[in-house]
Amino acid sequence: MNPGKLIEKAKHSSFYRWLLNVLLSRIIPFNRPHGFEIISITENSISTRLPYKKKNLNHVRGLHACALATLSEFTTGFLLISRLGMNTYRLILQKLEMDYHYQGKTDAFAHFSIDEDWLNREVITPLKTSESIVIISEVKIYDQQKKLLTTARVHWQLKDLKKVKTVA
């Protein structure tokens, strides 16, 4: 199935959301042990979950800092690339800044949203005159009791795929 069509169906169907999560765990093997889950996705927003399980815990049985950081990267990157088009833009993590506020002792939830005005102002228009740009996506992660666990600022470099030069 076409990834774009699967994402569209996942916006309205729990079955296709489950299927999307299964597919993502296979095509992004680094994330597989974490068990990230897209719990909702719309045209302009995404909500994800990091389960409180052994592979995501640190030595004091709290959610591991790196698992929380990776959830921030995954959440923002997935929404951006699904909105902008996997065949149109290259998205590369440039920098990741994390502020840790509270130790996670339950599942953790991230929510990220963008709108058409932001996309046009921050991405589409600047890429008309620049070969590449860097955008900052801020995402907060909360626990089940709505305690703020982290604030992430994910710096993404975007470039039109037509302008990407690779070295063989």
C-alpha atoms as a PDB file:
ATOM      1  CA  MET A   1       0.000   0.000   0.000  1.00  0.00           C
ATOM      2  CA  ASN A   2       1.159   3.526  -0.791  1.00  0.00           C
ATOM      3  CA  PRO A   3       2.473   5.182   2.460  1.00  0.00           C
ATOM      4  CA  GLY A   4       0.482   8.360   1.776  1.00  0.00           C
ATOM      5  CA  LYS A   5      -2.744   6.403   1.381  1.00  0.00           C
ATOM      6  CA  LEU A   6      -2.013   4.427   4.550  1.00  0.00           C
ATOM      7  CA  ILE A   7      -1.467   7.637   6.532  1.00  0.00           C
ATOM      8  CA  GLU A   8      -4.725   9.071   5.147  1.00  0.00           C
ATOM      9  CA  LYS A   9      -6.640   5.940   6.167  1.00  0.00           C
ATOM     10  CA  ALA A  10      -4.947   5.929   9.604  1.00  0.00           C
ATOM     11  CA  LYS A  11      -6.449   9.363  10.295  1.00  0.00           C
ATOM     12  CA  HIS A  12      -9.929   7.824  10.394  1.00  0.00           C
ATOM     13  CA  SER A  13      -9.450   4.145  11.216  1.00  0.00           C
ATOM     14  CA  SER A  14      -7.988   2.427  14.268  1.00  0.00           C
ATOM     15  CA  PHE A  15      -7.199  -0.614  12.106  1.00  0.00           C
ATOM     16  CA  TYR A  16      -5.143   1.422   9.642  1.00  0.00           C
ATOM     17  CA  ARG A  17      -3.479   3.287  12.526  1.00  0.00           C
ATOM     18  CA  TRP A  18      -2.482  -0.099  13.964  1.00  0.00           C
ATOM     19  CA  LEU A  19      -1.236  -1.161  10.523  1.00  0.00           C
ATOM     20  CA  LEU A  20       0.756   2.084  10.193  1.00  0.00           C
ATOM     21  CA  ASN A  21       2.349   1.485  13.611  1.00  0.00           C
ATOM     22  CA  VAL A  22       3.304  -2.082  12.646  1.00  0.00           C
ATOM     23  CA  LEU A  23       4.793  -0.880   9.364  1.00  0.00           C
ATOM     24  CA  LEU A  24       6.740   1.938  11.078  1.00  0.00           C
ATOM     25  CA  SER A  25       8.236  -0.496  13.599  1.00  0.00           C
ATOM     26  CA  ARG A  26       9.562  -2.516  10.678  1.00  0.00           C
ATOM     27  CA  ILE A  27      10.887   0.285   8.481  1.00  0.00           C
ATOM     28  CA  ILE A  28      12.496   2.197  11.372  1.00  0.00           C
ATOM     29  CA  PRO A  29      14.267  -0.661  13.180  1.00  0.00           C
ATOM     30  CA  PHE A  30      16.066   1.667  15.612  1.00  0.00           C
ATOM     31  CA  ASN A  31      12.685   2.654  17.094  1.00  0.00           C
ATOM     32  CA  ARG A  32      11.262  -0.899  17.269  1.00  0.00           C
ATOM     33  CA  PRO A  33      12.382  -1.712  20.861  1.00  0.00           C
ATOM     34  CA  HIS A  34      10.766   1.487  22.164  1.00  0.00           C
ATOM     35  CA  GLY A  35       7.292   0.517  20.986  1.00  0.00           C
ATOM     36  CA  PHE A  36       6.312   4.025  19.891  1.00  0.00           C
ATOM     37  CA  GLU A  37       2.673   4.279  18.928  1.00  0.00           C
ATOM     38  CA  ILE A  38       0.838   6.886  16.905  1.00  0.00           C
ATOM     39  CA  ILE A  39      -2.378   7.256  18.876  1.00  0.00           C
ATOM     40  CA  SER A  40      -3.930   9.896  16.638  1.00  0.00           C
ATOM     41  CA  ILE A  41      -3.033  11.707  13.455  1.00  0.00           C
ATOM     42  CA  THR A  42      -4.815  14.438  11.539  1.00  0.00           C
ATOM     43  CA  GLU A  43      -3.809  16.710   8.677  1.00  0.00           C
ATOM     44  CA  ASN A  44      -2.182  19.132  11.147  1.00  0.00           C
ATOM     45  CA  SER A  45      -1.359  17.164  14.292  1.00  0.00           C
ATOM     46  CA  ILE A  46      -0.015  13.941  15.704  1.00  0.00           C
ATOM     47  CA  SER A  47      -0.127  12.359  19.155  1.00  0.00           C
ATOM     48  CA  THR A  48       2.255   9.565  20.080  1.00  0.00           C
ATOM     49  CA  ARG A  49       2.872   7.299  23.054  1.00  0.00           C
ATOM     50  CA  LEU A  50       6.031   5.932  24.644  1.00  0.00           C
ATOM     51  CA  PRO A  51       5.092   2.910  26.759  1.00  0.00           C
ATOM     52  CA  TYR A  52       6.414   2.553  30.269  1.00  0.00           C
ATOM     53  CA  LYS A  53       8.171  -0.778  29.800  1.00  0.00           C
ATOM     54  CA  LYS A  54      11.537  -2.293  30.697  1.00  0.00           C
ATOM     55  CA  LYS A  55      13.323  -1.425  27.428  1.00  0.00           C
ATOM     56  CA  ASN A  56      12.432   2.262  27.922  1.00  0.00           C
ATOM     57  CA  LEU A  57      13.613   2.556  31.526  1.00  0.00           C
ATOM     58  CA  ASN A  58      16.802   3.897  33.024  1.00  0.00           C
ATOM     59  CA  HIS A  59      18.648   2.609  36.103  1.00  0.00           C
ATOM     60  CA  VAL A  60      16.133   4.222  38.525  1.00  0.00           C
ATOM     61  CA  ARG A  61      13.110   2.799  36.662  1.00  0.00           C
ATOM     62  CA  GLY A  62      12.113   6.110  35.101  1.00  0.00           C
ATOM     63  CA  LEU A  63      11.655   6.661  31.385  1.00  0.00           C
ATOM     64  CA  HIS A  64      15.082   6.909  29.801  1.00  0.00           C
ATOM     65  CA  ALA A  65      16.168  10.360  28.608  1.00  0.00           C
ATOM     66  CA  CYS A  66      17.147   9.014  25.190  1.00  0.00           C
ATOM     67  CA  ALA A  67      13.785   7.282  24.682  1.00  0.00           C
ATOM     68  CA  LEU A  68      12.031  10.575  25.407  1.00  0.00           C
ATOM     69  CA  ALA A  69      14.351  12.442  23.036  1.00  0.00           C
ATOM     70  CA  THR A  70      13.778   9.869  20.297  1.00  0.00           C
ATOM     71  CA  LEU A  71      10.003  10.166  20.746  1.00  0.00           C
ATOM     72  CA  SER A  72      10.368  13.940  20.220  1.00  0.00           C
ATOM     73  CA  GLU A  73      12.327  13.381  17.018  1.00  0.00           C
ATOM     74  CA  PHE A  74       9.896  10.747  15.735  1.00  0.00           C
ATOM     75  CA  THR A  75       6.767  12.777  16.522  1.00  0.00           C
ATOM     76  CA  THR A  76       7.863  16.011  14.867  1.00  0.00           C
ATOM     77  CA  GLY A  77       9.625  14.359  11.951  1.00  0.00           C
ATOM     78  CA  PHE A  78       6.749  12.079  11.076  1.00  0.00           C
ATOM     79  CA  LEU A  79       4.188  14.877  10.931  1.00  0.00           C
ATOM     80  CA  LEU A  80       6.495  17.157   8.955  1.00  0.00           C
ATOM     81  CA  ILE A  81       7.421  14.588   6.338  1.00  0.00           C
ATOM     82  CA  SER A  82       3.855  13.305   6.025  1.00  0.00           C
ATOM     83  CA  ARG A  83       2.658  16.879   5.393  1.00  0.00           C
ATOM     84  CA  LEU A  84       5.506  17.976   3.125  1.00  0.00           C
ATOM     85  CA  GLY A  85       5.878  14.777   1.140  1.00  0.00           C
ATOM     86  CA  MET A  86       8.454  12.019   1.360  1.00  0.00           C
ATOM     87  CA  ASN A  87       9.207  12.371  -2.348  1.00  0.00           C
ATOM     88  CA  THR A  88       9.520  16.168  -2.278  1.00  0.00           C
ATOM     89  CA  TYR A  89      11.730  17.085   0.672  1.00  0.00           C
ATOM     90  CA  ARG A  90      14.690  15.654   2.540  1.00  0.00           C
ATOM     91  CA  LEU A  91      14.398  16.044   6.298  1.00  0.00           C
ATOM     92  CA  ILE A  92      17.540  15.616   8.424  1.00  0.00           C
ATOM     93  CA  LEU A  93      17.888  16.087  12.157  1.00  0.00           C
ATOM     94  CA  GLN A  94      20.389  18.891  12.711  1.00  0.00           C
ATOM     95  CA  LYS A  95      20.178  19.398  16.470  1.00  0.00           C
ATOM     96  CA  LEU A  96      18.033  18.221  19.356  1.00  0.00           C
ATOM     97  CA  GLU A  97      17.689  20.248  22.548  1.00  0.00           C
ATOM     98  CA  MET A  98      15.984  18.642  25.525  1.00  0.00           C
ATOM     99  CA  ASP A  99      14.815  20.083  28.821  1.00  0.00           C
ATOM    100  CA  TYR A 100      13.856  17.420  31.351  1.00  0.00           C
ATOM    101  CA  HIS A 101      11.326  18.598  33.942  1.00  0.00           C
ATOM    102  CA  TYR A 102      10.014  15.515  35.721  1.00  0.00           C
ATOM    103  CA  GLN A 103      10.849  11.818  35.873  1.00  0.00           C
ATOM    104  CA  GLY A 104       8.479   9.644  33.854  1.00  0.00           C
ATOM    105  CA  LYS A 105       6.972   6.735  35.786  1.00  0.00           C
ATOM    106  CA  THR A 106       4.046   5.975  33.437  1.00  0.00           C
ATOM    107  CA  ASP A 107       3.431   5.945  29.687  1.00  0.00           C
ATOM    108  CA  ALA A 108       4.432   9.249  28.086  1.00  0.00           C
ATOM    109  CA  PHE A 109       2.566  11.196  25.432  1.00  0.00           C
ATOM    110  CA  ALA A 110       3.786  13.708  22.863  1.00  0.00           C
ATOM    111  CA  HIS A 111       1.613  16.008  20.784  1.00  0.00           C
ATOM    112  CA  PHE A 112       2.798  18.159  17.889  1.00  0.00           C
ATOM    113  CA  SER A 113       0.791  20.347  15.553  1.00  0.00           C
ATOM    114  CA  ILE A 114       1.407  22.664  12.640  1.00  0.00           C
ATOM    115  CA  ASP A 115      -0.907  24.569  10.327  1.00  0.00           C
ATOM    116  CA  GLU A 116      -0.946  25.702   6.713  1.00  0.00           C
ATOM    117  CA  ASP A 117       0.139  29.267   7.563  1.00  0.00           C
ATOM    118  CA  TRP A 118       3.153  28.001   9.536  1.00  0.00           C
ATOM    119  CA  LEU A 119       4.150  25.621   6.727  1.00  0.00           C
ATOM    120  CA  ASN A 120       3.960  28.382   4.136  1.00  0.00           C
ATOM    121  CA  ARG A 121       5.760  30.953   6.302  1.00  0.00           C
ATOM    122  CA  GLU A 122       8.485  28.684   7.741  1.00  0.00           C
ATOM    123  CA  VAL A 123       9.051  26.106   4.987  1.00  0.00           C
ATOM    124  CA  ILE A 124       7.527  26.651   1.555  1.00  0.00           C
ATOM    125  CA  THR A 125       8.318  30.360   1.091  1.00  0.00           C
ATOM    126  CA  PRO A 126      11.889  30.243   2.510  1.00  0.00           C
ATOM    127  CA  LEU A 127      12.755  27.225   0.319  1.00  0.00           C
ATOM    128  CA  LYS A 128      11.892  29.246  -2.773  1.00  0.00           C
ATOM    129  CA  THR A 129      14.963  31.407  -2.180  1.00  0.00           C
ATOM    130  CA  SER A 130      17.245  29.140  -0.101  1.00  0.00           C
ATOM    131  CA  GLU A 131      18.780  25.805  -0.978  1.00  0.00           C
ATOM    132  CA  SER A 132      18.089  24.516   2.537  1.00  0.00           C
ATOM    133  CA  ILE A 133      16.516  25.824   5.719  1.00  0.00           C
ATOM    134  CA  VAL A 134      16.438  24.874   9.387  1.00  0.00           C
ATOM    135  CA  ILE A 135      13.154  24.872  11.251  1.00  0.00           C
ATOM    136  CA  ILE A 136      12.659  24.364  14.963  1.00  0.00           C
ATOM    137  CA  SER A 137       9.784  22.176  16.087  1.00  0.00           C
ATOM    138  CA  GLU A 138       8.899  22.369  19.767  1.00  0.00           C
ATOM    139  CA  VAL A 139       7.167  19.397  21.333  1.00  0.00           C
ATOM    140  CA  LYS A 140       6.250  18.695  24.947  1.00  0.00           C
ATOM    141  CA  ILE A 141       5.894  15.247  26.468  1.00  0.00           C
ATOM    142  CA  TYR A 142       3.513  14.591  29.374  1.00  0.00           C
ATOM    143  CA  ASP A 143       2.835  11.564  31.557  1.00  0.00           C
ATOM    144  CA  GLN A 144      -0.580  10.018  32.213  1.00  0.00           C
ATOM    145  CA  GLN A 145      -1.221  12.473  35.062  1.00  0.00           C
ATOM    146  CA  LYS A 146      -0.502  15.412  32.687  1.00  0.00           C
ATOM    147  CA  LYS A 147       2.816  16.248  34.391  1.00  0.00           C
ATOM    148  CA  LEU A 148       5.243  17.874  31.966  1.00  0.00           C
ATOM    149  CA  LEU A 149       8.184  15.512  31.489  1.00  0.00           C
ATOM    150  CA  THR A 150      10.150  17.212  28.702  1.00  0.00           C
ATOM    151  CA  THR A 151      10.270  20.121  26.317  1.00  0.00           C
ATOM    152  CA  ALA A 152      12.164  19.418  23.105  1.00  0.00           C
ATOM    153  CA  ARG A 153      13.312  21.755  20.394  1.00  0.00           C
ATOM    154  CA  VAL A 154      13.980  19.632  17.336  1.00  0.00           C
ATOM    155  CA  HIS A 155      16.014  21.408  14.661  1.00  0.00           C
ATOM    156  CA  TRP A 156      15.263  19.977  11.217  1.00  0.00           C
ATOM    157  CA  GLN A 157      17.178  20.798   8.061  1.00  0.00           C
ATOM    158  CA  LEU A 158      14.894  20.719   5.041  1.00  0.00           C
ATOM    159  CA  LYS A 159      15.926  20.673   1.437  1.00  0.00           C
ATOM    160  CA  ASP A 160      14.091  20.138  -1.820  1.00  0.00           C
ATOM    161  CA  LEU A 161      15.061  16.638  -3.018  1.00  0.00           C
ATOM    162  CA  LYS A 162      15.806  18.055  -6.476  1.00  0.00           C
ATOM    163  CA  LYS A 163      18.647  20.074  -4.907  1.00  0.00           C
ATOM    164  CA  VAL A 164      20.202  17.202  -2.953  1.00  0.00           C
ATOM    165  CA  LYS A 165      23.666  16.230  -4.133  1.00  0.00           C
ATOM    166  CA  THR A 166      25.107  12.948  -2.917  1.00  0.00           C
ATOM    167  CA  VAL A 167      28.677  11.755  -2.976  1.00  0.00           C
ATOM    168  CA  ALA A 168      29.136   8.216  -4.259  1.00  0.00           C
END
